[in-house]
């Protein structure tokens, strides 16, 4: 886990149903060392940007009955690269 705090870019897109279509909200970790967390309780989806120590910087709250999709985009970097099998061809 060493070095994870130096990477920024965790992003969550929340697609919400509004009366005449959908609206997309983007909540991103704006500085190095921050992260984005999602929680659900009592019919509310909460997306929060937090510091390393867990202090909440900003929060978006959405009614879970109106949320169409939650799309997570984790930060990419040398420390967060997904492991890849050496003997398997890429599917992309």
PDB file of N, CA and C in Angstrom:
ATOM      1  N   UNK A   1       0.801  -1.194   0.000  1.00  0.00           N
ATOM      2  CA  UNK A   1       0.000   0.000   0.000  1.00  0.00           C
ATOM      3  C   UNK A   1       0.849   1.265   0.000  1.00  0.00           C
ATOM      4  N   UNK A   2       2.105   1.127   0.031  1.00  0.00           N
ATOM      5  CA  UNK A   2       2.988   2.275   0.056  1.00  0.00           C
ATOM      6  C   UNK A   2       2.821   3.087  -1.220  1.00  0.00           C
ATOM      7  N   UNK A   3       2.678   4.395  -1.089  1.00  0.00           N
ATOM      8  CA  UNK A   3       2.589   5.265  -2.242  1.00  0.00           C
ATOM      9  C   UNK A   3       1.172   5.560  -2.715  1.00  0.00           C
ATOM     10  N   UNK A   4       0.146   4.922  -2.142  1.00  0.00           N
ATOM     11  CA  UNK A   4      -1.221   5.162  -2.594  1.00  0.00           C
ATOM     12  C   UNK A   4      -1.669   6.582  -2.323  1.00  0.00           C
ATOM     13  N   UNK A   5      -1.157   7.194  -1.314  1.00  0.00           N
ATOM     14  CA  UNK A   5      -1.560   8.546  -0.966  1.00  0.00           C
ATOM     15  C   UNK A   5      -1.066   9.595  -1.937  1.00  0.00           C
ATOM     16  N   UNK A   6      -0.121   9.258  -2.798  1.00  0.00           N
ATOM     17  CA  UNK A   6       0.427  10.221  -3.740  1.00  0.00           C
ATOM     18  C   UNK A   6      -0.383  10.317  -5.026  1.00  0.00           C
ATOM     19  N   UNK A   7      -1.327   9.424  -5.211  1.00  0.00           N
ATOM     20  CA  UNK A   7      -2.098   9.377  -6.447  1.00  0.00           C
ATOM     21  C   UNK A   7      -3.432  10.074  -6.235  1.00  0.00           C
ATOM     22  N   UNK A   8      -3.805  10.949  -7.184  1.00  0.00           N
ATOM     23  CA  UNK A   8      -5.128  11.540  -7.097  1.00  0.00           C
ATOM     24  C   UNK A   8      -5.930  11.109  -8.309  1.00  0.00           C
ATOM     25  N   UNK A   9      -7.237  11.206  -8.213  1.00  0.00           N
ATOM     26  CA  UNK A   9      -8.043  10.892  -9.370  1.00  0.00           C
ATOM     27  C   UNK A   9      -9.195   9.947  -9.147  1.00  0.00           C
ATOM     28  N   UNK A  10      -9.422   9.440  -7.924  1.00  0.00           N
ATOM     29  CA  UNK A  10     -10.625   8.645  -7.688  1.00  0.00           C
ATOM     30  C   UNK A  10     -11.826   9.496  -8.065  1.00  0.00           C
ATOM     31  N   UNK A  11     -12.719   8.935  -8.865  1.00  0.00           N
ATOM     32  CA  UNK A  11     -13.884   9.671  -9.333  1.00  0.00           C
ATOM     33  C   UNK A  11     -15.113   8.781  -9.292  1.00  0.00           C
ATOM     34  N   UNK A  12     -16.250   9.348  -8.915  1.00  0.00           N
ATOM     35  CA  UNK A  12     -17.524   8.639  -8.943  1.00  0.00           C
ATOM     36  C   UNK A  12     -18.525   9.508  -9.701  1.00  0.00           C
ATOM     37  N   UNK A  13     -19.186   8.902 -10.691  1.00  0.00           N
ATOM     38  CA  UNK A  13     -20.260   9.566 -11.415  1.00  0.00           C
ATOM     39  C   UNK A  13     -21.577   9.010 -10.893  1.00  0.00           C
ATOM     40  N   UNK A  14     -22.507   9.889 -10.584  1.00  0.00           N
ATOM     41  CA  UNK A  14     -23.823   9.483 -10.102  1.00  0.00           C
ATOM     42  C   UNK A  14     -24.841   9.963 -11.133  1.00  0.00           C
ATOM     43  N   UNK A  15     -25.556   9.019 -11.742  1.00  0.00           N
ATOM     44  CA  UNK A  15     -26.592   9.347 -12.714  1.00  0.00           C
ATOM     45  C   UNK A  15     -27.927   9.292 -11.988  1.00  0.00           C
ATOM     46  N   UNK A  16     -28.637  10.433 -11.988  1.00  0.00           N
ATOM     47  CA  UNK A  16     -29.874  10.571 -11.230  1.00  0.00           C
ATOM     48  C   UNK A  16     -31.031  10.839 -12.184  1.00  0.00           C
ATOM     49  N   UNK A  17     -32.159  10.177 -11.922  1.00  0.00           N
ATOM     50  CA  UNK A  17     -33.376  10.394 -12.698  1.00  0.00           C
ATOM     51  C   UNK A  17     -34.025  11.694 -12.254  1.00  0.00           C
ATOM     52  N   UNK A  18     -34.218  12.606 -13.205  1.00  0.00           N
ATOM     53  CA  UNK A  18     -34.965  13.841 -12.940  1.00  0.00           C
ATOM     54  C   UNK A  18     -36.237  13.778 -13.772  1.00  0.00           C
ATOM     55  N   UNK A  19     -37.126  14.693 -13.572  1.00  0.00           N
ATOM     56  CA  UNK A  19     -38.443  14.591 -14.204  1.00  0.00           C
ATOM     57  C   UNK A  19     -38.407  14.505 -15.726  1.00  0.00           C
ATOM     58  N   UNK A  20     -37.446  15.136 -16.378  1.00  0.00           N
ATOM     59  CA  UNK A  20     -37.408  15.143 -17.845  1.00  0.00           C
ATOM     60  C   UNK A  20     -36.193  14.426 -18.431  1.00  0.00           C
ATOM     61  N   UNK A  21     -35.591  13.516 -17.715  1.00  0.00           N
ATOM     62  CA  UNK A  21     -34.423  12.774 -18.201  1.00  0.00           C
ATOM     63  C   UNK A  21     -33.512  12.378 -17.060  1.00  0.00           C
ATOM     64  N   UNK A  22     -32.203  12.423 -17.311  1.00  0.00           N
ATOM     65  CA  UNK A  22     -31.231  12.113 -16.272  1.00  0.00           C
ATOM     66  C   UNK A  22     -30.222  13.242 -16.151  1.00  0.00           C
ATOM     67  N   UNK A  23     -29.604  13.319 -15.005  1.00  0.00           N
ATOM     68  CA  UNK A  23     -28.560  14.305 -14.753  1.00  0.00           C
ATOM     69  C   UNK A  23     -27.383  13.588 -14.114  1.00  0.00           C
ATOM     70  N   UNK A  24     -26.174  13.931 -14.538  1.00  0.00           N
ATOM     71  CA  UNK A  24     -24.970  13.285 -14.026  1.00  0.00           C
ATOM     72  C   UNK A  24     -24.202  14.232 -13.118  1.00  0.00           C
ATOM     73  N   UNK A  25     -23.852  13.737 -11.945  1.00  0.00           N
ATOM     74  CA  UNK A  25     -23.036  14.481 -10.988  1.00  0.00           C
ATOM     75  C   UNK A  25     -21.705  13.752 -10.858  1.00  0.00           C
ATOM     76  N   UNK A  26     -20.611  14.497 -10.810  1.00  0.00           N
ATOM     77  CA  UNK A  26     -19.278  13.912 -10.693  1.00  0.00           C
ATOM     78  C   UNK A  26     -18.660  14.396  -9.394  1.00  0.00           C
ATOM     79  N   UNK A  27     -18.208  13.436  -8.580  1.00  0.00           N
ATOM     80  CA  UNK A  27     -17.503  13.752  -7.346  1.00  0.00           C
ATOM     81  C   UNK A  27     -16.131  13.109  -7.460  1.00  0.00           C
ATOM     82  N   UNK A  28     -15.087  13.919  -7.357  1.00  0.00           N
ATOM     83  CA  UNK A  28     -13.727  13.430  -7.577  1.00  0.00           C
ATOM     84  C   UNK A  28     -12.825  13.810  -6.414  1.00  0.00           C
ATOM     85  N   UNK A  29     -11.794  12.985  -6.208  1.00  0.00           N
ATOM     86  CA  UNK A  29     -10.748  13.309  -5.225  1.00  0.00           C
ATOM     87  C   UNK A  29      -9.882  14.384  -5.863  1.00  0.00           C
ATOM     88  N   UNK A  30      -9.996  15.593  -5.363  1.00  0.00           N
ATOM     89  CA  UNK A  30      -9.382  16.741  -6.022  1.00  0.00           C
ATOM     90  C   UNK A  30      -7.895  16.936  -5.737  1.00  0.00           C
ATOM     91  N   UNK A  31      -7.389  16.344  -4.683  1.00  0.00           N
ATOM     92  CA  UNK A  31      -5.970  16.498  -4.338  1.00  0.00           C
ATOM     93  C   UNK A  31      -5.364  15.146  -4.025  1.00  0.00           C
ATOM     94  N   UNK A  32      -4.048  15.079  -4.082  1.00  0.00           N
ATOM     95  CA  UNK A  32      -3.337  13.843  -3.766  1.00  0.00           C
ATOM     96  C   UNK A  32      -3.618  13.439  -2.324  1.00  0.00           C
ATOM     97  N   UNK A  33      -3.827  12.144  -2.114  1.00  0.00           N
ATOM     98  CA  UNK A  33      -4.069  11.634  -0.782  1.00  0.00           C
ATOM     99  C   UNK A  33      -5.527  11.561  -0.397  1.00  0.00           C
ATOM    100  N   UNK A  34      -6.401  12.089  -1.236  1.00  0.00           N
ATOM    101  CA  UNK A  34      -7.831  12.023  -0.931  1.00  0.00           C
ATOM    102  C   UNK A  34      -8.458  10.824  -1.630  1.00  0.00           C
ATOM    103  N   UNK A  35      -9.632  10.433  -1.141  1.00  0.00           N
ATOM    104  CA  UNK A  35     -10.332   9.298  -1.729  1.00  0.00           C
ATOM    105  C   UNK A  35     -11.827   9.596  -1.742  1.00  0.00           C
ATOM    106  N   UNK A  36     -12.561   8.795  -2.501  1.00  0.00           N
ATOM    107  CA  UNK A  36     -14.007   8.943  -2.588  1.00  0.00           C
ATOM    108  C   UNK A  36     -14.642   7.663  -2.062  1.00  0.00           C
ATOM    109  N   UNK A  37     -15.608   7.798  -1.169  1.00  0.00           N
ATOM    110  CA  UNK A  37     -16.305   6.640  -0.607  1.00  0.00           C
ATOM    111  C   UNK A  37     -17.798   6.776  -0.828  1.00  0.00           C
ATOM    112  N   UNK A  38     -18.454   5.609  -0.990  1.00  0.00           N
ATOM    113  CA  UNK A  38     -19.896   5.555  -1.211  1.00  0.00           C
ATOM    114  C   UNK A  38     -20.530   4.790  -0.055  1.00  0.00           C
ATOM    115  N   UNK A  39     -21.630   5.325   0.471  1.00  0.00           N
ATOM    116  CA  UNK A  39     -22.372   4.612   1.503  1.00  0.00           C
ATOM    117  C   UNK A  39     -23.865   4.753   1.224  1.00  0.00           C
ATOM    118  N   UNK A  40     -24.627   3.765   1.679  1.00  0.00           N
ATOM    119  CA  UNK A  40     -26.071   3.774   1.495  1.00  0.00           C
ATOM    120  C   UNK A  40     -26.740   3.469   2.828  1.00  0.00           C
ATOM    121  N   UNK A  41     -27.708   4.296   3.212  1.00  0.00           N
ATOM    122  CA  UNK A  41     -28.476   4.028   4.429  1.00  0.00           C
ATOM    123  C   UNK A  41     -29.793   4.784   4.373  1.00  0.00           C
ATOM    124  N   UNK A  42     -30.840   4.115   4.819  1.00  0.00           N
ATOM    125  CA  UNK A  42     -32.177   4.700   4.926  1.00  0.00           C
ATOM    126  C   UNK A  42     -32.639   5.383   3.642  1.00  0.00           C
ATOM    127  N   UNK A  43     -32.389   4.739   2.509  1.00  0.00           N
ATOM    128  CA  UNK A  43     -32.876   5.269   1.242  1.00  0.00           C
ATOM    129  C   UNK A  43     -32.085   6.429   0.678  1.00  0.00           C
ATOM    130  N   UNK A  44     -30.882   6.653   1.202  1.00  0.00           N
ATOM    131  CA  UNK A  44     -30.037   7.746   0.730  1.00  0.00           C
ATOM    132  C   UNK A  44     -28.671   7.193   0.333  1.00  0.00           C
ATOM    133  N   UNK A  45     -28.212   7.557  -0.865  1.00  0.00           N
ATOM    134  CA  UNK A  45     -26.867   7.210  -1.319  1.00  0.00           C
ATOM    135  C   UNK A  45     -26.001   8.431  -1.063  1.00  0.00           C
ATOM    136  N   UNK A  46     -24.892   8.231  -0.362  1.00  0.00           N
ATOM    137  CA  UNK A  46     -24.004   9.331  -0.001  1.00  0.00           C
ATOM    138  C   UNK A  46     -22.631   9.079  -0.602  1.00  0.00           C
ATOM    139  N   UNK A  47     -22.127  10.043  -1.376  1.00  0.00           N
ATOM    140  CA  UNK A  47     -20.806   9.955  -1.983  1.00  0.00           C
ATOM    141  C   UNK A  47     -19.969  11.070  -1.363  1.00  0.00           C
ATOM    142  N   UNK A  48     -18.860  10.698  -0.714  1.00  0.00           N
ATOM    143  CA  UNK A  48     -18.051  11.662   0.034  1.00  0.00           C
ATOM    144  C   UNK A  48     -16.602  11.652  -0.409  1.00  0.00           C
ATOM    145  N   UNK A  49     -16.009  12.844  -0.433  1.00  0.00           N
ATOM    146  CA  UNK A  49     -14.569  12.982  -0.646  1.00  0.00           C
ATOM    147  C   UNK A  49     -13.931  13.121   0.726  1.00  0.00           C
ATOM    148  N   UNK A  50     -12.936  12.252   1.013  1.00  0.00           N
ATOM    149  CA  UNK A  50     -12.298  12.235   2.328  1.00  0.00           C
ATOM    150  C   UNK A  50     -10.794  12.439   2.213  1.00  0.00           C
ATOM    151  N   UNK A  51     -10.207  12.949   3.300  1.00  0.00           N
ATOM    152  CA  UNK A  51      -8.757  13.060   3.388  1.00  0.00           C
ATOM    153  C   UNK A  51      -8.183  11.732   3.864  1.00  0.00           C
ATOM    154  N   UNK A  52      -6.866  11.656   3.966  1.00  0.00           N
ATOM    155  CA  UNK A  52      -6.206  10.435   4.458  1.00  0.00           C
ATOM    156  C   UNK A  52      -6.667  10.063   5.856  1.00  0.00           C
ATOM    157  N   UNK A  53      -6.935  11.077   6.670  1.00  0.00           N
ATOM    158  CA  UNK A  53      -7.321  10.829   8.057  1.00  0.00           C
ATOM    159  C   UNK A  53      -8.814  10.602   8.229  1.00  0.00           C
ATOM    160  N   UNK A  54      -9.594  10.685   7.153  1.00  0.00           N
ATOM    161  CA  UNK A  54     -11.016  10.416   7.222  1.00  0.00           C
ATOM    162  C   UNK A  54     -11.899  11.624   7.409  1.00  0.00           C
ATOM    163  N   UNK A  55     -11.345  12.819   7.311  1.00  0.00           N
ATOM    164  CA  UNK A  55     -12.146  14.038   7.438  1.00  0.00           C
ATOM    165  C   UNK A  55     -12.897  14.262   6.127  1.00  0.00           C
ATOM    166  N   UNK A  56     -14.195  14.480   6.226  1.00  0.00           N
ATOM    167  CA  UNK A  56     -15.036  14.676   5.043  1.00  0.00           C
ATOM    168  C   UNK A  56     -14.841  16.086   4.506  1.00  0.00           C
ATOM    169  N   UNK A  57     -14.517  16.181   3.216  1.00  0.00           N
ATOM    170  CA  UNK A  57     -14.335  17.471   2.564  1.00  0.00           C
ATOM    171  C   UNK A  57     -15.648  17.948   1.966  1.00  0.00           C
ATOM    172  N   UNK A  58     -16.292  17.090   1.192  1.00  0.00           N
ATOM    173  CA  UNK A  58     -17.602  17.416   0.627  1.00  0.00           C
ATOM    174  C   UNK A  58     -18.392  16.136   0.408  1.00  0.00           C
ATOM    175  N   UNK A  59     -19.698  16.284   0.364  1.00  0.00           N
ATOM    176  CA  UNK A  59     -20.585  15.130   0.271  1.00  0.00           C
ATOM    177  C   UNK A  59     -21.730  15.437  -0.675  1.00  0.00           C
ATOM    178  N   UNK A  60     -22.100  14.430  -1.463  1.00  0.00           N
ATOM    179  CA  UNK A  60     -23.301  14.510  -2.286  1.00  0.00           C
ATOM    180  C   UNK A  60     -24.275  13.463  -1.786  1.00  0.00           C
ATOM    181  N   UNK A  61     -25.538  13.856  -1.561  1.00  0.00           N
ATOM    182  CA  UNK A  61     -26.559  12.925  -1.078  1.00  0.00           C
ATOM    183  C   UNK A  61     -27.676  12.843  -2.114  1.00  0.00           C
ATOM    184  N   UNK A  62     -28.077  11.610  -2.416  1.00  0.00           N
ATOM    185  CA  UNK A  62     -29.080  11.372  -3.442  1.00  0.00           C
ATOM    186  C   UNK A  62     -30.082  10.348  -2.934  1.00  0.00           C
ATOM    187  N   UNK A  63     -31.348  10.514  -3.281  1.00  0.00           N
ATOM    188  CA  UNK A  63     -32.367   9.526  -2.929  1.00  0.00           C
ATOM    189  C   UNK A  63     -32.094   8.264  -3.732  1.00  0.00           C
ATOM    190  N   UNK A  64     -32.007   7.123  -3.058  1.00  0.00           N
ATOM    191  CA  UNK A  64     -31.650   5.883  -3.753  1.00  0.00           C
ATOM    192  C   UNK A  64     -32.691   5.486  -4.795  1.00  0.00           C
ATOM    193  N   UNK A  65     -33.947   5.893  -4.616  1.00  0.00           N
ATOM    194  CA  UNK A  65     -34.981   5.570  -5.608  1.00  0.00           C
ATOM    195  C   UNK A  65     -34.787   6.347  -6.904  1.00  0.00           C
ATOM    196  N   UNK A  66     -34.013   7.425  -6.873  1.00  0.00           N
ATOM    197  CA  UNK A  66     -33.760   8.242  -8.060  1.00  0.00           C
ATOM    198  C   UNK A  66     -32.414   7.945  -8.727  1.00  0.00           C
ATOM    199  N   UNK A  67     -31.542   7.211  -8.059  1.00  0.00           N
ATOM    200  CA  UNK A  67     -30.220   6.907  -8.620  1.00  0.00           C
ATOM    201  C   UNK A  67     -30.363   5.824  -9.683  1.00  0.00           C
ATOM    202  N   UNK A  68     -29.933   6.145 -10.894  1.00  0.00           N
ATOM    203  CA  UNK A  68     -29.979   5.207 -12.010  1.00  0.00           C
ATOM    204  C   UNK A  68     -28.696   4.390 -12.059  1.00  0.00           C
ATOM    205  N   UNK A  69     -27.541   5.041 -11.852  1.00  0.00           N
ATOM    206  CA  UNK A  69     -26.252   4.347 -11.928  1.00  0.00           C
ATOM    207  C   UNK A  69     -25.212   5.052 -11.071  1.00  0.00           C
ATOM    208  N   UNK A  70     -24.299   4.247 -10.529  1.00  0.00           N
ATOM    209  CA  UNK A  70     -23.094   4.735  -9.846  1.00  0.00           C
ATOM    210  C   UNK A  70     -21.911   4.176 -10.625  1.00  0.00           C
ATOM    211  N   UNK A  71     -21.086   5.048 -11.151  1.00  0.00           N
ATOM    212  CA  UNK A  71     -19.951   4.615 -11.960  1.00  0.00           C
ATOM    213  C   UNK A  71     -18.681   5.043 -11.246  1.00  0.00           C
ATOM    214  N   UNK A  72     -17.872   4.058 -10.847  1.00  0.00           N
ATOM    215  CA  UNK A  72     -16.634   4.339 -10.132  1.00  0.00           C
ATOM    216  C   UNK A  72     -15.458   4.288 -11.090  1.00  0.00           C
ATOM    217  N   UNK A  73     -14.593   5.298 -11.012  1.00  0.00           N
ATOM    218  CA  UNK A  73     -13.365   5.348 -11.789  1.00  0.00           C
ATOM    219  C   UNK A  73     -12.205   5.468 -10.812  1.00  0.00           C
ATOM    220  N   UNK A  74     -11.567   4.339 -10.443  1.00  0.00           N
ATOM    221  CA  UNK A  74     -10.441   4.436  -9.509  1.00  0.00           C
ATOM    222  C   UNK A  74      -9.241   5.096 -10.167  1.00  0.00           C
ATOM    223  N   UNK A  75      -8.419   5.728  -9.361  1.00  0.00           N
ATOM    224  CA  UNK A  75      -7.205   6.368  -9.871  1.00  0.00           C
ATOM    225  C   UNK A  75      -6.273   5.315 -10.444  1.00  0.00           C
ATOM    226  N   UNK A  76      -5.655   5.634 -11.552  1.00  0.00           N
ATOM    227  CA  UNK A  76      -4.691   4.724 -12.169  1.00  0.00           C
ATOM    228  C   UNK A  76      -3.289   5.273 -11.958  1.00  0.00           C
ATOM    229  N   UNK A  77      -2.386   4.414 -11.703  1.00  0.00           N
ATOM    230  CA  UNK A  77      -1.000   4.789 -11.489  1.00  0.00           C
ATOM    231  C   UNK A  77      -0.180   3.542 -11.293  1.00  0.00           C
ATOM    232  N   UNK A  78       1.114   3.676 -11.150  1.00  0.00           N
ATOM    233  CA  UNK A  78       1.960   2.492 -11.003  1.00  0.00           C
ATOM    234  C   UNK A  78       1.633   1.667  -9.763  1.00  0.00           C
ATOM    235  N   UNK A  79       1.187   2.317  -8.692  1.00  0.00           N
ATOM    236  CA  UNK A  79       0.868   1.590  -7.468  1.00  0.00           C
ATOM    237  C   UNK A  79      -0.541   1.012  -7.477  1.00  0.00           C
ATOM    238  N   UNK A  80      -1.398   1.506  -8.358  1.00  0.00           N
ATOM    239  CA  UNK A  80      -2.778   1.051  -8.389  1.00  0.00           C
ATOM    240  C   UNK A  80      -3.115   0.265  -9.649  1.00  0.00           C
ATOM    241  N   UNK A  81      -2.131  -0.110 -10.387  1.00  0.00           N
ATOM    242  CA  UNK A  81      -2.392  -0.890 -11.598  1.00  0.00           C
ATOM    243  C   UNK A  81      -2.929  -2.257 -11.220  1.00  0.00           C
ATOM    244  N   UNK A  82      -3.885  -2.737 -12.012  1.00  0.00           N
ATOM    245  CA  UNK A  82      -4.467  -4.043 -11.733  1.00  0.00           C
ATOM    246  C   UNK A  82      -3.492  -5.137 -12.150  1.00  0.00           C
ATOM    247  N   UNK A  83      -3.418  -6.226 -11.386  1.00  0.00           N
ATOM    248  CA  UNK A  83      -2.525  -7.315 -11.759  1.00  0.00           C
ATOM    249  C   UNK A  83      -2.982  -7.948 -13.073  1.00  0.00           C
ATOM    250  N   UNK A  84      -2.029  -8.364 -13.872  1.00  0.00           N
ATOM    251  CA  UNK A  84      -2.342  -8.941 -15.168  1.00  0.00           C
ATOM    252  C   UNK A  84      -1.664 -10.302 -15.283  1.00  0.00           C
ATOM    253  N   UNK A  85      -2.405 -11.278 -15.746  1.00  0.00           N
ATOM    254  CA  UNK A  85      -1.840 -12.608 -15.934  1.00  0.00           C
ATOM    255  C   UNK A  85      -0.844 -12.569 -17.092  1.00  0.00           C
ATOM    256  N   UNK A  86       0.315 -13.216 -16.902  1.00  0.00           N
ATOM    257  CA  UNK A  86       1.361 -13.173 -17.915  1.00  0.00           C
ATOM    258  C   UNK A  86       1.037 -14.048 -19.130  1.00  0.00           C
ATOM    259  N   UNK A  87       0.273 -15.100 -18.930  1.00  0.00           N
ATOM    260  CA  UNK A  87       0.011 -16.020 -20.023  1.00  0.00           C
ATOM    261  C   UNK A  87      -1.363 -15.817 -20.661  1.00  0.00           C
ATOM    262  N   UNK A  88      -2.011 -14.704 -20.377  1.00  0.00           N
ATOM    263  CA  UNK A  88      -3.340 -14.436 -20.920  1.00  0.00           C
ATOM    264  C   UNK A  88      -3.305 -13.211 -21.824  1.00  0.00           C
ATOM    265  N   UNK A  89      -3.915 -13.330 -22.995  1.00  0.00           N
ATOM    266  CA  UNK A  89      -3.960 -12.219 -23.937  1.00  0.00           C
ATOM    267  C   UNK A  89      -4.932 -11.156 -23.414  1.00  0.00           C
ATOM    268  N   UNK A  90      -4.707  -9.940 -23.818  1.00  0.00           N
ATOM    269  CA  UNK A  90      -5.589  -8.837 -23.444  1.00  0.00           C
ATOM    270  C   UNK A  90      -6.933  -8.998 -24.125  1.00  0.00           C
ATOM    271  N   UNK A  91      -7.987  -8.618 -23.423  1.00  0.00           N
ATOM    272  CA  UNK A  91      -9.334  -8.701 -23.998  1.00  0.00           C
ATOM    273  C   UNK A  91      -9.732  -7.397 -24.677  1.00  0.00           C
ATOM    274  N   UNK A  92      -8.894  -6.400 -24.625  1.00  0.00           N
ATOM    275  CA  UNK A  92      -9.221  -5.118 -25.252  1.00  0.00           C
ATOM    276  C   UNK A  92      -8.767  -5.057 -26.678  1.00  0.00           C
TER     277      UNK A  92
END
